[in-house]
Amino acid sequence: MSQIIVWECTEGHFKWHYEKDESVIVIWGEAFLIKENGEELRFGPGDLGFFPAGSICEWRVPGPFRKVAVLREPMWRPLGLVVKTWKRMLQMVGLTGRPSLVFADRAVFSEPPSRVSRT
């Protein structure tokens, strides 16, 4: 499941734990990701970033900041491989893109129903 959020904050300094995969684009303001060696990486308007689930980052935000983020639940790698293999097998046998239920032919319903006579 994915979510799209707009996130804002004011000036501050904090550590953030990413519970979901997060892709971001900065809308306005700037924030600095502080690396373990103390070096800072600047994020400003138009910059993109990706933070995998489980990441912990230290941030310094000098003023108002806004970003749009796409949050996605990470999938357990073995399960992802099973899903990918299953989809590939369905493609190979020609079943992709078909609905799982069988629907009645539309032509049957293209004409108005006829009146049933009771005799």
N, C-alpha and C. Protein backbone atom coordinates (compact mmCIF):
# COMPACT_ATOMS: atom_id res chain seq x y z
N MET A 1 0.84 -1.18 0.00
CA MET A 1 0.00 0.00 0.00
C MET A 1 0.89 1.24 0.00
N SER A 2 0.50 2.24 -0.76
CA SER A 2 1.26 3.47 -0.84
C SER A 2 0.41 4.65 -0.39
N GLN A 3 1.09 5.69 0.08
CA GLN A 3 0.43 6.92 0.48
C GLN A 3 1.25 8.08 -0.08
N ILE A 4 0.55 9.15 -0.42
CA ILE A 4 1.22 10.39 -0.82
C ILE A 4 0.85 11.43 0.22
N ILE A 5 1.89 12.08 0.78
CA ILE A 5 1.64 13.08 1.81
C ILE A 5 2.42 14.36 1.52
N VAL A 6 1.92 15.46 2.03
CA VAL A 6 2.66 16.71 2.05
C VAL A 6 3.08 16.91 3.49
N TRP A 7 4.37 17.12 3.71
CA TRP A 7 4.91 17.21 5.07
C TRP A 7 5.62 18.54 5.23
N GLU A 8 5.35 19.20 6.32
CA GLU A 8 5.96 20.49 6.62
C GLU A 8 6.56 20.45 8.01
N CYS A 9 7.63 21.26 8.19
CA CYS A 9 8.16 21.44 9.54
C CYS A 9 8.78 22.83 9.63
N THR A 10 9.04 23.23 10.85
CA THR A 10 9.70 24.51 11.09
C THR A 10 11.15 24.22 11.46
N GLU A 11 11.86 25.24 11.81
CA GLU A 11 13.27 25.11 12.16
C GLU A 11 13.45 24.05 13.24
N GLY A 12 14.50 23.25 13.10
CA GLY A 12 14.75 22.24 14.11
C GLY A 12 15.92 21.34 13.77
N HIS A 13 16.20 20.44 14.70
CA HIS A 13 17.27 19.46 14.55
C HIS A 13 16.74 18.17 15.16
N PHE A 14 16.72 17.08 14.39
CA PHE A 14 16.11 15.85 14.89
C PHE A 14 16.63 14.63 14.16
N LYS A 15 16.40 13.45 14.77
CA LYS A 15 16.66 12.17 14.12
C LYS A 15 15.32 11.62 13.67
N TRP A 16 15.31 11.01 12.49
CA TRP A 16 14.07 10.47 11.94
C TRP A 16 14.27 9.01 11.58
N HIS A 17 13.34 8.16 12.04
CA HIS A 17 13.36 6.74 11.71
C HIS A 17 12.31 6.49 10.63
N TYR A 18 12.73 5.97 9.50
CA TYR A 18 11.82 5.70 8.38
C TYR A 18 11.26 4.30 8.52
N GLU A 19 9.95 4.21 8.80
CA GLU A 19 9.29 2.92 8.96
C GLU A 19 8.86 2.32 7.63
N LYS A 20 8.72 3.17 6.60
CA LYS A 20 8.34 2.74 5.26
C LYS A 20 9.36 3.29 4.28
N ASP A 21 9.42 2.69 3.08
CA ASP A 21 10.23 3.28 2.01
C ASP A 21 9.65 4.66 1.72
N GLU A 22 10.50 5.66 1.58
CA GLU A 22 10.01 7.02 1.34
C GLU A 22 10.79 7.68 0.21
N SER A 23 10.06 8.09 -0.81
CA SER A 23 10.63 8.89 -1.91
C SER A 23 10.11 10.30 -1.72
N VAL A 24 11.00 11.31 -1.84
CA VAL A 24 10.60 12.68 -1.55
C VAL A 24 11.04 13.63 -2.66
N ILE A 25 10.29 14.72 -2.79
CA ILE A 25 10.71 15.87 -3.59
C ILE A 25 10.47 17.10 -2.71
N VAL A 26 11.48 17.94 -2.65
CA VAL A 26 11.39 19.15 -1.83
C VAL A 26 10.62 20.21 -2.60
N ILE A 27 9.64 20.82 -1.95
CA ILE A 27 8.83 21.87 -2.57
C ILE A 27 9.42 23.25 -2.26
N TRP A 28 9.67 23.53 -0.98
CA TRP A 28 10.34 24.77 -0.61
C TRP A 28 11.08 24.62 0.69
N GLY A 29 12.01 25.54 0.90
CA GLY A 29 12.86 25.49 2.08
C GLY A 29 14.09 24.63 1.81
N GLU A 30 14.85 24.41 2.85
CA GLU A 30 16.00 23.54 2.72
C GLU A 30 16.20 22.77 4.02
N ALA A 31 16.78 21.59 3.86
CA ALA A 31 17.10 20.74 5.01
C ALA A 31 18.44 20.09 4.74
N PHE A 32 19.16 19.79 5.80
CA PHE A 32 20.49 19.21 5.67
C PHE A 32 20.52 17.86 6.36
N LEU A 33 20.87 16.83 5.58
CA LEU A 33 21.06 15.49 6.10
C LEU A 33 22.48 15.44 6.66
N ILE A 34 22.61 15.11 7.93
CA ILE A 34 23.93 15.07 8.56
C ILE A 34 24.45 13.63 8.52
N LYS A 35 25.53 13.44 7.78
CA LYS A 35 26.12 12.11 7.65
C LYS A 35 26.87 11.74 8.93
N GLU A 36 27.24 10.47 9.07
CA GLU A 36 27.93 9.99 10.27
C GLU A 36 29.25 10.71 10.51
N ASN A 37 29.92 11.14 9.42
CA ASN A 37 31.20 11.83 9.56
C ASN A 37 31.03 13.34 9.83
N GLY A 38 29.76 13.78 9.97
CA GLY A 38 29.48 15.19 10.25
C GLY A 38 29.25 16.04 9.01
N GLU A 39 29.54 15.48 7.83
CA GLU A 39 29.31 16.20 6.58
C GLU A 39 27.80 16.37 6.36
N GLU A 40 27.41 17.52 5.79
CA GLU A 40 25.99 17.78 5.54
C GLU A 40 25.69 17.70 4.05
N LEU A 41 24.55 17.11 3.74
CA LEU A 41 24.06 17.01 2.37
C LEU A 41 22.80 17.85 2.29
N ARG A 42 22.80 18.88 1.44
CA ARG A 42 21.68 19.81 1.34
C ARG A 42 20.58 19.28 0.43
N PHE A 43 19.33 19.44 0.89
CA PHE A 43 18.14 19.17 0.09
C PHE A 43 17.40 20.48 -0.05
N GLY A 44 17.19 20.93 -1.29
CA GLY A 44 16.48 22.17 -1.56
C GLY A 44 15.38 21.94 -2.59
N PRO A 45 14.66 23.01 -2.98
CA PRO A 45 13.55 22.89 -3.93
C PRO A 45 13.94 22.11 -5.20
N GLY A 46 13.12 21.11 -5.51
CA GLY A 46 13.35 20.29 -6.70
C GLY A 46 14.23 19.08 -6.46
N ASP A 47 14.89 19.01 -5.32
CA ASP A 47 15.76 17.86 -5.03
C ASP A 47 14.91 16.64 -4.68
N LEU A 48 15.42 15.47 -5.10
CA LEU A 48 14.75 14.20 -4.86
C LEU A 48 15.58 13.37 -3.89
N GLY A 49 14.91 12.52 -3.13
CA GLY A 49 15.61 11.62 -2.24
C GLY A 49 14.83 10.34 -2.04
N PHE A 50 15.55 9.28 -1.67
CA PHE A 50 14.92 8.00 -1.35
C PHE A 50 15.52 7.49 -0.06
N PHE A 51 14.65 7.08 0.87
CA PHE A 51 15.08 6.57 2.17
C PHE A 51 14.39 5.23 2.40
N PRO A 52 15.16 4.13 2.34
CA PRO A 52 14.54 2.81 2.54
C PRO A 52 14.04 2.61 3.97
N ALA A 53 13.04 1.79 4.11
CA ALA A 53 12.50 1.47 5.43
C ALA A 53 13.62 0.98 6.33
N GLY A 54 13.60 1.44 7.58
CA GLY A 54 14.63 1.06 8.54
C GLY A 54 15.77 2.06 8.63
N SER A 55 15.82 3.02 7.69
CA SER A 55 16.87 4.05 7.74
C SER A 55 16.64 4.97 8.93
N ILE A 56 17.73 5.46 9.50
CA ILE A 56 17.67 6.47 10.55
C ILE A 56 18.57 7.61 10.10
N CYS A 57 18.02 8.82 10.01
CA CYS A 57 18.77 9.98 9.54
C CYS A 57 18.69 11.11 10.54
N GLU A 58 19.75 11.87 10.60
CA GLU A 58 19.77 13.07 11.43
C GLU A 58 19.62 14.26 10.50
N TRP A 59 18.71 15.17 10.84
CA TRP A 59 18.37 16.32 10.00
C TRP A 59 18.56 17.63 10.76
N ARG A 60 19.00 18.63 9.99
CA ARG A 60 19.04 20.01 10.48
C ARG A 60 18.22 20.84 9.51
N VAL A 61 17.20 21.50 10.02
CA VAL A 61 16.30 22.31 9.19
C VAL A 61 16.41 23.76 9.68
N PRO A 62 17.00 24.67 8.85
CA PRO A 62 17.22 26.04 9.30
C PRO A 62 15.98 26.93 9.30
N GLY A 63 14.92 26.52 8.60
CA GLY A 63 13.71 27.34 8.52
C GLY A 63 12.56 26.50 8.01
N PRO A 64 11.44 27.13 7.67
CA PRO A 64 10.29 26.37 7.16
C PRO A 64 10.67 25.49 5.98
N PHE A 65 10.09 24.29 5.97
CA PHE A 65 10.44 23.28 4.97
C PHE A 65 9.18 22.51 4.59
N ARG A 66 9.05 22.22 3.29
CA ARG A 66 7.90 21.43 2.81
C ARG A 66 8.38 20.44 1.76
N LYS A 67 7.85 19.23 1.86
CA LYS A 67 8.16 18.18 0.88
C LYS A 67 6.90 17.40 0.56
N VAL A 68 6.91 16.73 -0.60
CA VAL A 68 5.89 15.75 -0.95
C VAL A 68 6.59 14.41 -0.88
N ALA A 69 5.97 13.47 -0.18
CA ALA A 69 6.58 12.16 0.00
C ALA A 69 5.63 11.05 -0.44
N VAL A 70 6.19 10.03 -1.04
CA VAL A 70 5.45 8.81 -1.36
C VAL A 70 5.97 7.74 -0.41
N LEU A 71 5.08 7.25 0.43
CA LEU A 71 5.42 6.22 1.41
C LEU A 71 4.92 4.87 0.90
N ARG A 72 5.77 3.86 0.97
CA ARG A 72 5.39 2.55 0.47
C ARG A 72 5.82 1.49 1.46
N GLU A 73 4.91 0.57 1.75
CA GLU A 73 5.23 -0.56 2.62
C GLU A 73 6.27 -1.43 1.92
N PRO A 74 7.38 -1.72 2.58
CA PRO A 74 8.37 -2.59 1.94
C PRO A 74 7.84 -4.03 1.88
N MET A 75 8.24 -4.74 0.85
CA MET A 75 7.82 -6.12 0.69
C MET A 75 9.01 -7.02 1.04
N TRP A 76 8.74 -8.05 1.82
CA TRP A 76 9.76 -9.02 2.18
C TRP A 76 10.34 -9.61 0.89
N ARG A 77 11.66 -9.57 0.73
CA ARG A 77 12.32 -9.93 -0.53
C ARG A 77 11.88 -11.30 -1.08
N PRO A 78 11.85 -12.36 -0.27
CA PRO A 78 11.40 -13.66 -0.83
C PRO A 78 9.96 -13.60 -1.35
N LEU A 79 9.09 -12.86 -0.66
CA LEU A 79 7.72 -12.73 -1.13
C LEU A 79 7.69 -11.97 -2.46
N GLY A 80 8.50 -10.93 -2.57
CA GLY A 80 8.58 -10.17 -3.82
C GLY A 80 9.01 -11.05 -4.98
N LEU A 81 9.96 -11.95 -4.73
CA LEU A 81 10.42 -12.87 -5.78
C LEU A 81 9.29 -13.82 -6.18
N VAL A 82 8.53 -14.31 -5.21
CA VAL A 82 7.40 -15.20 -5.52
C VAL A 82 6.36 -14.46 -6.38
N VAL A 83 6.02 -13.22 -6.00
CA VAL A 83 5.03 -12.44 -6.76
C VAL A 83 5.53 -12.19 -8.18
N LYS A 84 6.80 -11.83 -8.31
CA LYS A 84 7.38 -11.56 -9.63
C LYS A 84 7.35 -12.82 -10.50
N THR A 85 7.72 -13.97 -9.91
CA THR A 85 7.71 -15.23 -10.64
C THR A 85 6.28 -15.60 -11.06
N TRP A 86 5.33 -15.43 -10.15
CA TRP A 86 3.93 -15.73 -10.44
C TRP A 86 3.42 -14.89 -11.62
N LYS A 87 3.71 -13.58 -11.60
CA LYS A 87 3.28 -12.70 -12.70
C LYS A 87 3.92 -13.12 -14.02
N ARG A 88 5.19 -13.51 -13.97
CA ARG A 88 5.88 -13.93 -15.18
C ARG A 88 5.25 -15.20 -15.73
N MET A 89 4.90 -16.14 -14.86
CA MET A 89 4.25 -17.38 -15.31
C MET A 89 2.91 -17.08 -15.95
N LEU A 90 2.15 -16.15 -15.36
CA LEU A 90 0.86 -15.79 -15.95
C LEU A 90 1.04 -15.17 -17.34
N GLN A 91 2.10 -14.37 -17.51
CA GLN A 91 2.39 -13.79 -18.82
C GLN A 91 2.70 -14.89 -19.83
N MET A 92 3.48 -15.87 -19.40
CA MET A 92 3.90 -16.94 -20.31
C MET A 92 2.72 -17.77 -20.80
N VAL A 93 1.71 -17.96 -19.98
CA VAL A 93 0.55 -18.75 -20.40
C VAL A 93 -0.57 -17.87 -20.95
N GLY A 94 -0.32 -16.55 -21.02
CA GLY A 94 -1.29 -15.65 -21.64
C GLY A 94 -2.46 -15.26 -20.76
N LEU A 95 -2.31 -15.31 -19.45
CA LEU A 95 -3.43 -14.98 -18.57
C LEU A 95 -3.36 -13.58 -17.97
N THR A 96 -2.32 -12.82 -18.25
CA THR A 96 -2.25 -11.49 -17.66
C THR A 96 -3.22 -10.56 -18.35
N GLY A 97 -3.74 -9.64 -17.59
CA GLY A 97 -4.66 -8.65 -18.14
C GLY A 97 -6.10 -9.13 -18.21
N ARG A 98 -6.34 -10.38 -17.91
CA ARG A 98 -7.70 -10.90 -17.94
C ARG A 98 -8.31 -10.81 -16.55
N PRO A 99 -9.60 -10.53 -16.47
CA PRO A 99 -10.24 -10.48 -15.15
C PRO A 99 -10.30 -11.87 -14.54
N SER A 100 -10.32 -11.92 -13.22
CA SER A 100 -10.37 -13.21 -12.55
C SER A 100 -11.77 -13.82 -12.58
N LEU A 101 -12.78 -13.02 -12.86
CA LEU A 101 -14.14 -13.53 -12.97
C LEU A 101 -14.57 -13.54 -14.44
N VAL A 102 -15.46 -14.45 -14.78
CA VAL A 102 -15.97 -14.50 -16.15
C VAL A 102 -17.22 -13.63 -16.19
N PHE A 103 -17.22 -12.67 -17.10
CA PHE A 103 -18.36 -11.77 -17.24
C PHE A 103 -19.21 -12.18 -18.43
N ALA A 104 -20.50 -11.89 -18.36
CA ALA A 104 -21.40 -12.19 -19.47
C ALA A 104 -21.04 -11.34 -20.68
N ASP A 105 -21.32 -11.87 -21.85
CA ASP A 105 -21.04 -11.16 -23.09
C ASP A 105 -21.90 -9.90 -23.16
N ARG A 106 -21.30 -8.77 -23.50
CA ARG A 106 -22.02 -7.50 -23.56
C ARG A 106 -23.12 -7.51 -24.63
N ALA A 107 -22.93 -8.30 -25.67
CA ALA A 107 -23.93 -8.34 -26.75
C ALA A 107 -25.27 -8.83 -26.23
N VAL A 108 -25.23 -9.69 -25.25
CA VAL A 108 -26.47 -10.22 -24.67
C VAL A 108 -27.28 -9.09 -24.06
N PHE A 109 -26.61 -8.09 -23.51
CA PHE A 109 -27.28 -7.01 -22.82
C PHE A 109 -27.42 -5.74 -23.65
N SER A 110 -27.05 -5.82 -24.93
CA SER A 110 -27.12 -4.62 -25.77
C SER A 110 -28.54 -4.29 -26.21
N GLU A 111 -29.42 -5.26 -26.20
CA GLU A 111 -30.82 -5.02 -26.59
C GLU A 111 -31.68 -4.97 -25.33
N PRO A 112 -32.72 -4.14 -25.36
CA PRO A 112 -33.60 -4.11 -24.19
C PRO A 112 -34.27 -5.46 -23.99
N PRO A 113 -34.58 -5.79 -22.76
CA PRO A 113 -35.21 -7.09 -22.52
C PRO A 113 -36.58 -7.16 -23.17
N SER A 114 -36.91 -8.33 -23.69
CA SER A 114 -38.23 -8.48 -24.32
C SER A 114 -39.24 -8.86 -23.24
N ARG A 115 -40.50 -8.52 -23.52
CA ARG A 115 -41.57 -8.80 -22.56
C ARG A 115 -41.92 -10.28 -22.63
N VAL A 116 -42.06 -10.87 -21.51
CA VAL A 116 -42.40 -12.29 -21.44
C VAL A 116 -43.92 -12.36 -21.36
N SER A 117 -44.52 -13.14 -22.28
CA SER A 117 -45.99 -13.26 -22.26
C SER A 117 -46.37 -14.41 -21.34
N ARG A 118 -47.42 -14.16 -20.60
CA ARG A 118 -47.93 -15.20 -19.69
C ARG A 118 -49.18 -15.81 -20.30
N THR A 119 -49.14 -17.05 -20.57
CA THR A 119 -50.31 -17.71 -21.15
C THR A 119 -50.83 -18.82 -20.30
